N, C-alpha and C. Protein backbone atom coordinates (compact mmCIF):
# COMPACT_ATOMS: atom_id res chain seq x y z
N MET A 1 65.72 110.65 75.69
CA MET A 1 66.87 111.50 75.50
C MET A 1 66.39 112.87 75.03
N PRO A 2 66.93 113.94 75.61
CA PRO A 2 66.52 115.28 75.20
C PRO A 2 66.96 115.57 73.76
N LYS A 3 66.36 116.59 73.19
CA LYS A 3 66.64 116.97 71.82
C LYS A 3 67.94 117.78 71.75
N LEU A 4 68.76 117.49 70.72
CA LEU A 4 69.98 118.24 70.50
C LEU A 4 69.67 119.66 70.04
N LYS A 5 70.46 120.61 70.49
CA LYS A 5 70.33 121.98 70.02
C LYS A 5 70.88 122.08 68.60
N LYS A 6 70.45 123.08 67.87
CA LYS A 6 71.02 123.38 66.56
C LYS A 6 72.24 124.26 66.81
N LEU A 7 73.42 123.74 66.48
CA LEU A 7 74.66 124.45 66.75
C LEU A 7 75.50 124.55 65.49
N SER A 8 76.29 125.61 65.42
CA SER A 8 77.24 125.76 64.32
C SER A 8 78.57 125.15 64.76
N GLY A 9 79.47 124.99 63.82
CA GLY A 9 80.80 124.49 64.15
C GLY A 9 81.51 125.41 65.14
N ARG A 10 81.33 126.70 64.95
CA ARG A 10 81.94 127.68 65.86
C ARG A 10 81.40 127.52 67.28
N ASP A 11 80.07 127.30 67.41
CA ASP A 11 79.48 127.10 68.73
C ASP A 11 80.08 125.88 69.42
N VAL A 12 80.23 124.78 68.67
CA VAL A 12 80.77 123.55 69.23
C VAL A 12 82.22 123.77 69.69
N ILE A 13 82.98 124.48 68.89
CA ILE A 13 84.38 124.75 69.25
C ILE A 13 84.45 125.59 70.52
N LEU A 14 83.59 126.61 70.64
CA LEU A 14 83.58 127.44 71.84
C LEU A 14 83.20 126.62 73.08
N ILE A 15 82.26 125.69 72.93
CA ILE A 15 81.88 124.83 74.06
C ILE A 15 83.05 123.94 74.46
N LEU A 16 83.68 123.31 73.48
CA LEU A 16 84.78 122.39 73.79
C LEU A 16 86.01 123.13 74.32
N ASN A 17 86.16 124.40 73.96
CA ASN A 17 87.24 125.22 74.54
C ASN A 17 87.10 125.31 76.05
N GLN A 18 85.87 125.34 76.54
CA GLN A 18 85.63 125.42 77.98
C GLN A 18 86.12 124.17 78.71
N PHE A 19 86.26 123.06 77.98
CA PHE A 19 86.73 121.81 78.57
C PHE A 19 88.21 121.56 78.30
N GLY A 20 88.90 122.57 77.79
CA GLY A 20 90.35 122.47 77.63
C GLY A 20 90.81 122.10 76.23
N PHE A 21 89.92 121.94 75.28
CA PHE A 21 90.31 121.64 73.91
C PHE A 21 90.75 122.92 73.23
N GLU A 22 91.83 122.83 72.45
CA GLU A 22 92.35 123.99 71.71
C GLU A 22 92.44 123.64 70.24
N VAL A 23 92.29 124.65 69.40
CA VAL A 23 92.39 124.45 67.96
C VAL A 23 93.83 124.08 67.63
N LEU A 24 93.99 122.94 66.96
CA LEU A 24 95.31 122.48 66.57
C LEU A 24 95.62 122.93 65.15
N ASN A 25 94.70 122.64 64.21
CA ASN A 25 94.86 123.12 62.85
C ASN A 25 93.53 123.00 62.11
N GLN A 26 93.52 123.48 60.88
CA GLN A 26 92.32 123.42 60.06
C GLN A 26 92.72 122.98 58.66
N ARG A 27 91.92 122.08 58.11
CA ARG A 27 92.14 121.66 56.73
C ARG A 27 90.79 121.71 56.03
N GLY A 28 90.65 122.65 55.12
CA GLY A 28 89.36 122.84 54.47
C GLY A 28 88.36 123.38 55.48
N SER A 29 87.20 122.72 55.56
CA SER A 29 86.17 123.20 56.47
C SER A 29 86.15 122.42 57.78
N HIS A 30 87.17 121.62 58.05
CA HIS A 30 87.21 120.84 59.29
C HIS A 30 88.33 121.34 60.19
N ILE A 31 88.00 121.48 61.47
CA ILE A 31 88.95 122.00 62.45
C ILE A 31 89.28 120.90 63.44
N LYS A 32 90.57 120.70 63.67
CA LYS A 32 91.03 119.68 64.60
C LYS A 32 91.28 120.32 65.96
N LEU A 33 90.65 119.77 66.98
CA LEU A 33 90.83 120.25 68.35
C LEU A 33 91.62 119.20 69.12
N ARG A 34 92.47 119.65 70.03
CA ARG A 34 93.24 118.71 70.83
C ARG A 34 93.31 119.20 72.26
N ARG A 35 93.33 118.23 73.16
CA ARG A 35 93.52 118.49 74.58
C ARG A 35 94.52 117.47 75.08
N VAL A 36 95.54 117.95 75.80
CA VAL A 36 96.53 117.06 76.40
C VAL A 36 96.28 117.07 77.90
N LYS A 37 95.97 115.89 78.42
CA LYS A 37 95.67 115.77 79.84
C LYS A 37 96.30 114.49 80.35
N ASP A 38 97.12 114.61 81.38
CA ASP A 38 97.81 113.46 81.96
C ASP A 38 98.58 112.67 80.90
N ASP A 39 99.33 113.38 80.05
CA ASP A 39 100.12 112.78 78.97
C ASP A 39 99.29 111.99 77.97
N LEU A 40 98.00 112.25 77.90
CA LEU A 40 97.11 111.60 76.96
C LEU A 40 96.60 112.65 75.98
N LYS A 41 96.82 112.44 74.68
CA LYS A 41 96.35 113.37 73.66
C LYS A 41 94.94 112.98 73.27
N GLN A 42 94.03 113.94 73.35
CA GLN A 42 92.64 113.72 72.99
C GLN A 42 92.31 114.64 71.82
N THR A 43 91.84 114.06 70.71
CA THR A 43 91.62 114.82 69.49
C THR A 43 90.19 114.66 68.99
N LEU A 44 89.60 115.76 68.55
CA LEU A 44 88.28 115.76 67.95
C LEU A 44 88.34 116.55 66.64
N LEU A 45 87.56 116.12 65.66
CA LEU A 45 87.50 116.80 64.37
C LEU A 45 86.10 117.39 64.23
N ILE A 46 86.02 118.72 64.05
CA ILE A 46 84.75 119.44 64.01
C ILE A 46 84.57 120.10 62.66
N PRO A 47 83.44 119.84 61.97
CA PRO A 47 83.18 120.56 60.72
C PRO A 47 82.78 122.00 61.02
N ASN A 48 83.38 122.93 60.31
CA ASN A 48 83.10 124.35 60.53
C ASN A 48 81.97 124.78 59.60
N HIS A 49 80.77 124.29 59.89
CA HIS A 49 79.59 124.61 59.08
C HIS A 49 78.66 125.54 59.85
N LYS A 50 77.77 126.21 59.13
CA LYS A 50 76.82 127.13 59.78
C LYS A 50 75.88 126.37 60.71
N GLU A 51 75.50 125.16 60.31
CA GLU A 51 74.67 124.32 61.16
C GLU A 51 75.14 122.87 60.98
N ILE A 52 75.48 122.23 62.08
CA ILE A 52 75.96 120.85 62.03
C ILE A 52 74.75 119.92 62.05
N ASP A 53 74.75 118.92 61.16
CA ASP A 53 73.67 117.95 61.11
C ASP A 53 73.54 117.23 62.45
N THR A 54 72.33 116.80 62.75
CA THR A 54 72.04 116.15 64.04
C THR A 54 72.90 114.91 64.25
N GLY A 55 73.02 114.06 63.23
CA GLY A 55 73.82 112.84 63.36
C GLY A 55 75.28 113.14 63.61
N THR A 56 75.81 114.15 62.93
CA THR A 56 77.20 114.55 63.12
C THR A 56 77.41 115.10 64.52
N LEU A 57 76.48 115.93 64.97
CA LEU A 57 76.58 116.50 66.31
C LEU A 57 76.50 115.40 67.37
N ARG A 58 75.62 114.42 67.16
CA ARG A 58 75.50 113.31 68.10
C ARG A 58 76.82 112.52 68.16
N ALA A 59 77.48 112.33 67.02
CA ALA A 59 78.76 111.63 66.99
C ALA A 59 79.84 112.43 67.72
N ILE A 60 79.84 113.74 67.55
CA ILE A 60 80.81 114.60 68.25
C ILE A 60 80.60 114.50 69.75
N VAL A 61 79.34 114.54 70.19
CA VAL A 61 79.04 114.44 71.62
C VAL A 61 79.48 113.08 72.16
N ARG A 62 79.22 112.02 71.38
CA ARG A 62 79.62 110.67 71.81
C ARG A 62 81.14 110.57 71.94
N GLN A 63 81.87 111.13 70.96
CA GLN A 63 83.33 111.09 71.01
C GLN A 63 83.86 111.93 72.17
N ALA A 64 83.29 113.10 72.38
CA ALA A 64 83.72 113.96 73.48
C ALA A 64 83.38 113.33 74.81
N GLY A 65 82.32 112.51 74.84
CA GLY A 65 81.91 111.83 76.07
C GLY A 65 82.95 110.85 76.59
N ARG A 66 83.88 110.45 75.73
CA ARG A 66 84.98 109.61 76.19
C ARG A 66 85.95 110.40 77.06
N TYR A 67 85.96 111.71 76.88
CA TYR A 67 86.92 112.56 77.57
C TYR A 67 86.28 113.45 78.64
N ILE A 68 84.99 113.72 78.50
CA ILE A 68 84.27 114.65 79.37
C ILE A 68 83.01 113.94 79.85
N SER A 69 82.59 114.20 81.07
CA SER A 69 81.38 113.55 81.57
C SER A 69 80.16 113.97 80.75
N MET A 70 79.28 113.02 80.51
CA MET A 70 78.08 113.31 79.73
C MET A 70 77.19 114.32 80.43
N GLU A 71 77.22 114.35 81.74
CA GLU A 71 76.42 115.34 82.48
C GLU A 71 76.85 116.75 82.12
N ASP A 72 78.16 116.98 82.04
CA ASP A 72 78.65 118.30 81.67
C ASP A 72 78.30 118.63 80.22
N LEU A 73 78.42 117.66 79.34
CA LEU A 73 78.10 117.88 77.93
C LEU A 73 76.61 118.16 77.71
N ASN A 74 75.75 117.47 78.46
CA ASN A 74 74.31 117.64 78.30
C ASN A 74 73.88 119.08 78.54
N LYS A 75 74.54 119.78 79.45
CA LYS A 75 74.20 121.17 79.75
C LYS A 75 74.38 122.07 78.53
N HIS A 76 75.34 121.73 77.68
CA HIS A 76 75.68 122.58 76.54
C HIS A 76 75.04 122.16 75.22
N PHE A 77 74.84 120.85 75.03
CA PHE A 77 74.42 120.35 73.73
C PHE A 77 72.94 120.01 73.63
N TYR A 78 72.26 119.82 74.76
CA TYR A 78 70.85 119.41 74.72
C TYR A 78 69.95 120.52 75.23
N SER A 79 68.73 120.58 74.67
CA SER A 79 67.76 121.60 75.08
C SER A 79 67.16 121.23 76.41
């Protein structure tokens, strides 16, 4: 498996915006993103930190992979 890039919360949000996710709200340092597709609500919670830990980023990619093809995600999240 390729190595994950070092990304900030803002970077992750900008990437997920390209796949149709929009900021729903923010509570503290966590931002909730939502995408409605075919009457199905898809929600992700992203920490708005300067650098997201590798394990957290891997979990975000895994969760987003339920909604977006892993091939498309690999282009943005892996080196």
